PDB file of N, CA and C in Angstrom:
ATOM      1  N   UNK A   1      41.465 119.514 -94.204  1.00  0.00           N
ATOM      2  CA  UNK A   1      41.996 118.341 -94.867  1.00  0.00           C
ATOM      3  C   UNK A   1      43.463 118.594 -95.166  1.00  0.00           C
ATOM      4  N   UNK A   2      44.281 117.745 -94.664  1.00  0.00           N
ATOM      5  CA  UNK A   2      45.711 117.874 -94.926  1.00  0.00           C
ATOM      6  C   UNK A   2      46.235 116.525 -95.371  1.00  0.00           C
ATOM      7  N   UNK A   3      47.066 116.554 -96.361  1.00  0.00           N
ATOM      8  CA  UNK A   3      47.731 115.335 -96.795  1.00  0.00           C
ATOM      9  C   UNK A   3      48.959 115.723 -97.581  1.00  0.00           C
ATOM     10  N   UNK A   4      49.878 114.822 -97.671  1.00  0.00           N
ATOM     11  CA  UNK A   4      51.096 115.104 -98.404  1.00  0.00           C
ATOM     12  C   UNK A   4      50.850 115.128 -99.894  1.00  0.00           C
ATOM     13  N   UNK A   5      51.346 116.133-100.553  1.00  0.00           N
ATOM     14  CA  UNK A   5      51.259 116.232-102.006  1.00  0.00           C
ATOM     15  C   UNK A   5      52.648 116.044-102.572  1.00  0.00           C
ATOM     16  N   UNK A   6      52.723 115.315-103.651  1.00  0.00           N
ATOM     17  CA  UNK A   6      54.011 115.099-104.306  1.00  0.00           C
ATOM     18  C   UNK A   6      53.837 115.387-105.786  1.00  0.00           C
ATOM     19  N   UNK A   7      54.599 116.320-106.289  1.00  0.00           N
ATOM     20  CA  UNK A   7      54.572 116.638-107.703  1.00  0.00           C
ATOM     21  C   UNK A   7      55.414 115.603-108.437  1.00  0.00           C
ATOM     22  N   UNK A   8      54.825 114.974-109.453  1.00  0.00           N
ATOM     23  CA  UNK A   8      55.561 113.953-110.189  1.00  0.00           C
ATOM     24  C   UNK A   8      56.351 114.525-111.361  1.00  0.00           C
ATOM     25  N   UNK A   9      56.383 115.866-111.488  1.00  0.00           N
ATOM     26  CA  UNK A   9      57.132 116.507-112.559  1.00  0.00           C
ATOM     27  C   UNK A   9      56.324 116.714-113.822  1.00  0.00           C
ATOM     28  N   UNK A  10      55.117 116.172-113.877  1.00  0.00           N
ATOM     29  CA  UNK A  10      54.255 116.323-115.053  1.00  0.00           C
ATOM     30  C   UNK A  10      53.006 117.122-114.732  1.00  0.00           C
ATOM     31  N   UNK A  11      53.036 117.957-113.693  1.00  0.00           N
ATOM     32  CA  UNK A  11      51.883 118.763-113.325  1.00  0.00           C
ATOM     33  C   UNK A  11      50.845 117.992-112.549  1.00  0.00           C
ATOM     34  N   UNK A  12      51.197 116.818-112.070  1.00  0.00           N
ATOM     35  CA  UNK A  12      50.250 116.013-111.303  1.00  0.00           C
ATOM     36  C   UNK A  12      50.670 115.964-109.851  1.00  0.00           C
ATOM     37  N   UNK A  13      49.695 116.009-108.988  1.00  0.00           N
ATOM     38  CA  UNK A  13      49.944 115.843-107.574  1.00  0.00           C
ATOM     39  C   UNK A  13      49.346 114.526-107.138  1.00  0.00           C
ATOM     40  N   UNK A  14      49.968 113.891-106.174  1.00  0.00           N
ATOM     41  CA  UNK A  14      49.380 112.688-105.604  1.00  0.00           C
ATOM     42  C   UNK A  14      48.033 113.076-105.003  1.00  0.00           C
ATOM     43  N   UNK A  15      46.946 112.493-105.489  1.00  0.00           N
ATOM     44  CA  UNK A  15      45.616 112.815-104.983  1.00  0.00           C
ATOM     45  C   UNK A  15      44.987 114.014-105.635  1.00  0.00           C
ATOM     46  N   UNK A  16      45.564 114.574-106.679  1.00  0.00           N
ATOM     47  CA  UNK A  16      44.959 115.736-107.313  1.00  0.00           C
ATOM     48  C   UNK A  16      45.667 116.143-108.584  1.00  0.00           C
ATOM     49  N   UNK A  17      45.023 117.005-109.323  1.00  0.00           N
ATOM     50  CA  UNK A  17      45.570 117.552-110.561  1.00  0.00           C
ATOM     51  C   UNK A  17      45.698 119.058-110.395  1.00  0.00           C
ATOM     52  N   UNK A  18      46.863 119.616-110.702  1.00  0.00           N
ATOM     53  CA  UNK A  18      47.059 121.059-110.594  1.00  0.00           C
ATOM     54  C   UNK A  18      46.121 121.761-111.568  1.00  0.00           C
ATOM     55  N   UNK A  19      45.427 122.734-111.055  1.00  0.00           N
ATOM     56  CA  UNK A  19      44.451 123.473-111.836  1.00  0.00           C
ATOM     57  C   UNK A  19      44.964 124.867-112.182  1.00  0.00           C
ATOM     58  N   UNK A  20      45.555 125.554-111.198  1.00  0.00           N
ATOM     59  CA  UNK A  20      45.918 126.951-111.393  1.00  0.00           C
ATOM     60  C   UNK A  20      47.006 127.324-110.390  1.00  0.00           C
ATOM     61  N   UNK A  21      48.044 128.008-110.867  1.00  0.00           N
ATOM     62  CA  UNK A  21      49.125 128.485-110.000  1.00  0.00           C
ATOM     63  C   UNK A  21      49.289 129.973-110.268  1.00  0.00           C
ATOM     64  N   UNK A  22      48.608 130.841-109.474  1.00  0.00           N
ATOM     65  CA  UNK A  22      48.654 132.275-109.749  1.00  0.00           C
ATOM     66  C   UNK A  22      49.976 132.941-109.363  1.00  0.00           C
ATOM     67  N   UNK A  23      50.652 132.396-108.372  1.00  0.00           N
ATOM     68  CA  UNK A  23      51.923 132.968-107.927  1.00  0.00           C
ATOM     69  C   UNK A  23      52.685 131.901-107.149  1.00  0.00           C
ATOM     70  N   UNK A  24      53.750 132.318-106.497  1.00  0.00           N
ATOM     71  CA  UNK A  24      54.577 131.330-105.799  1.00  0.00           C
ATOM     72  C   UNK A  24      54.063 131.002-104.404  1.00  0.00           C
ATOM     73  N   UNK A  25      52.971 131.638-103.965  1.00  0.00           N
ATOM     74  CA  UNK A  25      52.461 131.426-102.610  1.00  0.00           C
ATOM     75  C   UNK A  25      51.369 130.374-102.512  1.00  0.00           C
ATOM     76  N   UNK A  26      50.695 130.080-103.616  1.00  0.00           N
ATOM     77  CA  UNK A  26      49.550 129.175-103.550  1.00  0.00           C
ATOM     78  C   UNK A  26      49.345 128.466-104.880  1.00  0.00           C
ATOM     79  N   UNK A  27      48.650 127.350-104.798  1.00  0.00           N
ATOM     80  CA  UNK A  27      48.205 126.679-106.014  1.00  0.00           C
ATOM     81  C   UNK A  27      46.859 126.040-105.729  1.00  0.00           C
ATOM     82  N   UNK A  28      46.134 125.777-106.794  1.00  0.00           N
ATOM     83  CA  UNK A  28      44.793 125.205-106.698  1.00  0.00           C
ATOM     84  C   UNK A  28      44.782 123.898-107.471  1.00  0.00           C
ATOM     85  N   UNK A  29      44.073 122.916-106.940  1.00  0.00           N
ATOM     86  CA  UNK A  29      44.027 121.624-107.606  1.00  0.00           C
ATOM     87  C   UNK A  29      42.705 120.929-107.311  1.00  0.00           C
ATOM     88  N   UNK A  30      42.347 120.003-108.189  1.00  0.00           N
ATOM     89  CA  UNK A  30      41.173 119.168-107.954  1.00  0.00           C
ATOM     90  C   UNK A  30      41.548 118.054-106.989  1.00  0.00           C
ATOM     91  N   UNK A  31      40.728 117.843-105.975  1.00  0.00           N
ATOM     92  CA  UNK A  31      40.906 116.706-105.080  1.00  0.00           C
ATOM     93  C   UNK A  31      40.224 115.507-105.726  1.00  0.00           C
ATOM     94  N   UNK A  32      41.004 114.695-106.388  1.00  0.00           N
ATOM     95  CA  UNK A  32      40.453 113.566-107.146  1.00  0.00           C
ATOM     96  C   UNK A  32      40.293 112.306-106.303  1.00  0.00           C
ATOM     97  N   UNK A  33      40.489 112.422-104.993  1.00  0.00           N
ATOM     98  CA  UNK A  33      40.360 111.251-104.138  1.00  0.00           C
ATOM     99  C   UNK A  33      38.908 110.924-103.819  1.00  0.00           C
ATOM    100  N   UNK A  34      38.004 111.893-103.994  1.00  0.00           N
ATOM    101  CA  UNK A  34      36.587 111.630-103.728  1.00  0.00           C
ATOM    102  C   UNK A  34      35.719 112.651-104.456  1.00  0.00           C
ATOM    103  N   UNK A  35      34.469 112.276-104.655  1.00  0.00           N
ATOM    104  CA  UNK A  35      33.481 113.154-105.286  1.00  0.00           C
ATOM    105  C   UNK A  35      32.609 113.730-104.177  1.00  0.00           C
ATOM    106  N   UNK A  36      32.309 115.033-104.246  1.00  0.00           N
ATOM    107  CA  UNK A  36      31.518 115.661-103.195  1.00  0.00           C
ATOM    108  C   UNK A  36      30.014 115.531-103.459  1.00  0.00           C
ATOM    109  N   UNK A  37      29.218 116.192-102.621  1.00  0.00           N
ATOM    110  CA  UNK A  37      27.756 116.111-102.741  1.00  0.00           C
ATOM    111  C   UNK A  37      27.222 116.742-104.031  1.00  0.00           C
ATOM    112  N   UNK A  38      28.035 117.537-104.714  1.00  0.00           N
ATOM    113  CA  UNK A  38      27.660 118.141-106.000  1.00  0.00           C
ATOM    114  C   UNK A  38      28.060 117.235-107.171  1.00  0.00           C
ATOM    115  N   UNK A  39      28.585 116.063-106.846  1.00  0.00           N
ATOM    116  CA  UNK A  39      29.075 115.093-107.836  1.00  0.00           C
ATOM    117  C   UNK A  39      30.241 115.666-108.637  1.00  0.00           C
ATOM    118  N   UNK A  40      31.052 116.465-107.952  1.00  0.00           N
ATOM    119  CA  UNK A  40      32.237 117.064-108.548  1.00  0.00           C
ATOM    120  C   UNK A  40      33.413 116.887-107.590  1.00  0.00           C
ATOM    121  N   UNK A  41      34.593 117.158-108.085  1.00  0.00           N
ATOM    122  CA  UNK A  41      35.775 117.182-107.230  1.00  0.00           C
ATOM    123  C   UNK A  41      35.877 118.556-106.581  1.00  0.00           C
ATOM    124  N   UNK A  42      36.174 118.598-105.291  1.00  0.00           N
ATOM    125  CA  UNK A  42      36.434 119.884-104.647  1.00  0.00           C
ATOM    126  C   UNK A  42      37.670 120.521-105.264  1.00  0.00           C
ATOM    127  N   UNK A  43      37.668 121.840-105.336  1.00  0.00           N
ATOM    128  CA  UNK A  43      38.868 122.579-105.721  1.00  0.00           C
ATOM    129  C   UNK A  43      39.548 122.965-104.418  1.00  0.00           C
ATOM    130  N   UNK A  44      40.794 122.518-104.270  1.00  0.00           N
ATOM    131  CA  UNK A  44      41.546 122.741-103.051  1.00  0.00           C
ATOM    132  C   UNK A  44      42.559 123.863-103.253  1.00  0.00           C
ATOM    133  N   UNK A  45      42.854 124.576-102.179  1.00  0.00           N
ATOM    134  CA  UNK A  45      43.889 125.604-102.194  1.00  0.00           C
ATOM    135  C   UNK A  45      45.041 125.109-101.324  1.00  0.00           C
ATOM    136  N   UNK A  46      46.229 125.114-101.880  1.00  0.00           N
ATOM    137  CA  UNK A  46      47.426 124.717-101.156  1.00  0.00           C
ATOM    138  C   UNK A  46      48.238 125.970-100.899  1.00  0.00           C
ATOM    139  N   UNK A  47      48.296 126.408 -99.651  1.00  0.00           N
ATOM    140  CA  UNK A  47      49.082 127.559 -99.240  1.00  0.00           C
ATOM    141  C   UNK A  47      50.523 127.086 -99.083  1.00  0.00           C
ATOM    142  N   UNK A  48      51.347 127.422-100.050  1.00  0.00           N
ATOM    143  CA  UNK A  48      52.727 126.927-100.078  1.00  0.00           C
ATOM    144  C   UNK A  48      53.590 127.516 -98.965  1.00  0.00           C
ATOM    145  N   UNK A  49      53.256 128.709 -98.515  1.00  0.00           N
ATOM    146  CA  UNK A  49      54.042 129.357 -97.466  1.00  0.00           C
ATOM    147  C   UNK A  49      53.831 128.678 -96.110  1.00  0.00           C
ATOM    148  N   UNK A  50      52.591 128.248 -95.838  1.00  0.00           N
ATOM    149  CA  UNK A  50      52.265 127.668 -94.538  1.00  0.00           C
ATOM    150  C   UNK A  50      52.035 126.161 -94.586  1.00  0.00           C
ATOM    151  N   UNK A  51      52.019 125.591 -95.789  1.00  0.00           N
ATOM    152  CA  UNK A  51      51.805 124.164 -95.931  1.00  0.00           C
ATOM    153  C   UNK A  51      50.397 123.717 -95.603  1.00  0.00           C
ATOM    154  N   UNK A  52      49.418 124.619 -95.731  1.00  0.00           N
ATOM    155  CA  UNK A  52      48.024 124.325 -95.384  1.00  0.00           C
ATOM    156  C   UNK A  52      47.218 124.048 -96.640  1.00  0.00           C
ATOM    157  N   UNK A  53      46.421 122.981 -96.588  1.00  0.00           N
ATOM    158  CA  UNK A  53      45.532 122.623 -97.692  1.00  0.00           C
ATOM    159  C   UNK A  53      44.098 122.711 -97.190  1.00  0.00           C
ATOM    160  N   UNK A  54      43.268 123.486 -97.890  1.00  0.00           N
ATOM    161  CA  UNK A  54      41.863 123.652 -97.527  1.00  0.00           C
ATOM    162  C   UNK A  54      40.990 123.591 -98.771  1.00  0.00           C
ATOM    163  N   UNK A  55      39.718 123.286 -98.560  1.00  0.00           N
ATOM    164  CA  UNK A  55      38.754 123.354 -99.657  1.00  0.00           C
ATOM    165  C   UNK A  55      38.564 124.826-100.010  1.00  0.00           C
ATOM    166  N   UNK A  56      38.747 125.162-101.277  1.00  0.00           N
ATOM    167  CA  UNK A  56      38.554 126.535-101.753  1.00  0.00           C
ATOM    168  C   UNK A  56      37.171 126.706-102.345  1.00  0.00           C
ATOM    169  N   UNK A  57      36.699 125.703-103.089  1.00  0.00           N
ATOM    170  CA  UNK A  57      35.383 125.768-103.726  1.00  0.00           C
ATOM    171  C   UNK A  57      34.854 124.345-103.943  1.00  0.00           C
ATOM    172  N   UNK A  58      33.543 124.162-103.782  1.00  0.00           N
ATOM    173  CA  UNK A  58      32.968 122.823-103.962  1.00  0.00           C
ATOM    174  C   UNK A  58      32.754 122.427-105.419  1.00  0.00           C
ATOM    175  N   UNK A  59      32.767 123.410-106.319  1.00  0.00           N
ATOM    176  CA  UNK A  59      32.581 123.120-107.740  1.00  0.00           C
ATOM    177  C   UNK A  59      33.542 123.970-108.556  1.00  0.00           C
ATOM    178  N   UNK A  60      33.772 123.556-109.797  1.00  0.00           N
ATOM    179  CA  UNK A  60      34.639 124.334-110.675  1.00  0.00           C
ATOM    180  C   UNK A  60      34.018 125.701-110.966  1.00  0.00           C
ATOM    181  N   UNK A  61      32.697 125.750-111.122  1.00  0.00           N
ATOM    182  CA  UNK A  61      32.009 127.027-111.361  1.00  0.00           C
ATOM    183  C   UNK A  61      32.212 127.977-110.178  1.00  0.00           C
ATOM    184  N   UNK A  62      32.099 127.467-108.961  1.00  0.00           N
ATOM    185  CA  UNK A  62      32.339 128.300-107.775  1.00  0.00           C
ATOM    186  C   UNK A  62      33.788 128.793-107.733  1.00  0.00           C
ATOM    187  N   UNK A  63      34.711 127.936-108.128  1.00  0.00           N
ATOM    188  CA  UNK A  63      36.119 128.327-108.199  1.00  0.00           C
ATOM    189  C   UNK A  63      36.302 129.507-109.144  1.00  0.00           C
ATOM    190  N   UNK A  64      35.710 129.416-110.334  1.00  0.00           N
ATOM    191  CA  UNK A  64      35.822 130.509-111.303  1.00  0.00           C
ATOM    192  C   UNK A  64      35.187 131.789-110.776  1.00  0.00           C
ATOM    193  N   UNK A  65      34.022 131.682-110.156  1.00  0.00           N
ATOM    194  CA  UNK A  65      33.359 132.866-109.587  1.00  0.00           C
ATOM    195  C   UNK A  65      34.237 133.535-108.537  1.00  0.00           C
ATOM    196  N   UNK A  66      34.841 132.724-107.666  1.00  0.00           N
ATOM    197  CA  UNK A  66      35.699 133.297-106.633  1.00  0.00           C
ATOM    198  C   UNK A  66      36.933 133.969-107.226  1.00  0.00           C
ATOM    199  N   UNK A  67      37.509 133.371-108.258  1.00  0.00           N
ATOM    200  CA  UNK A  67      38.666 134.003-108.901  1.00  0.00           C
ATOM    201  C   UNK A  67      38.291 135.321-109.559  1.00  0.00           C
ATOM    202  N   UNK A  68      37.148 135.349-110.224  1.00  0.00           N
ATOM    203  CA  UNK A  68      36.693 136.588-110.865  1.00  0.00           C
ATOM    204  C   UNK A  68      36.455 137.665-109.829  1.00  0.00           C
ATOM    205  N   UNK A  69      35.802 137.296-108.714  1.00  0.00           N
ATOM    206  CA  UNK A  69      35.564 138.265-107.633  1.00  0.00           C
ATOM    207  C   UNK A  69      36.875 138.751-107.020  1.00  0.00           C
ATOM    208  N   UNK A  70      37.822 137.849-106.893  1.00  0.00           N
ATOM    209  CA  UNK A  70      39.101 138.186-106.254  1.00  0.00           C
ATOM    210  C   UNK A  70      39.974 139.061-107.153  1.00  0.00           C
ATOM    211  N   UNK A  71      40.082 138.705-108.420  1.00  0.00           N
ATOM    212  CA  UNK A  71      40.991 139.382-109.329  1.00  0.00           C
ATOM    213  C   UNK A  71      40.302 140.390-110.226  1.00  0.00           C
ATOM    214  N   UNK A  72      38.960 140.418-110.184  1.00  0.00           N
ATOM    215  CA  UNK A  72      38.161 141.393-110.901  1.00  0.00           C
ATOM    216  C   UNK A  72      38.271 141.328-112.352  1.00  0.00           C
TER     217      UNK A  72
END
């Protein structure tokens, strides 16, 4: 899934809300354009270096689990 994101200066992206910015290479946001099969917004990862947007986790709980596993 790729689409243009525009920061409005208030932490909002067109089509999503910024959730977490761990460093200057990536950011995570809720895709608020649709609800998934879990009745939640997907958590998307925006790779700022390559301009690639992908689904990172289907639920907020999965997002937290992946961050804990990644950063320990």
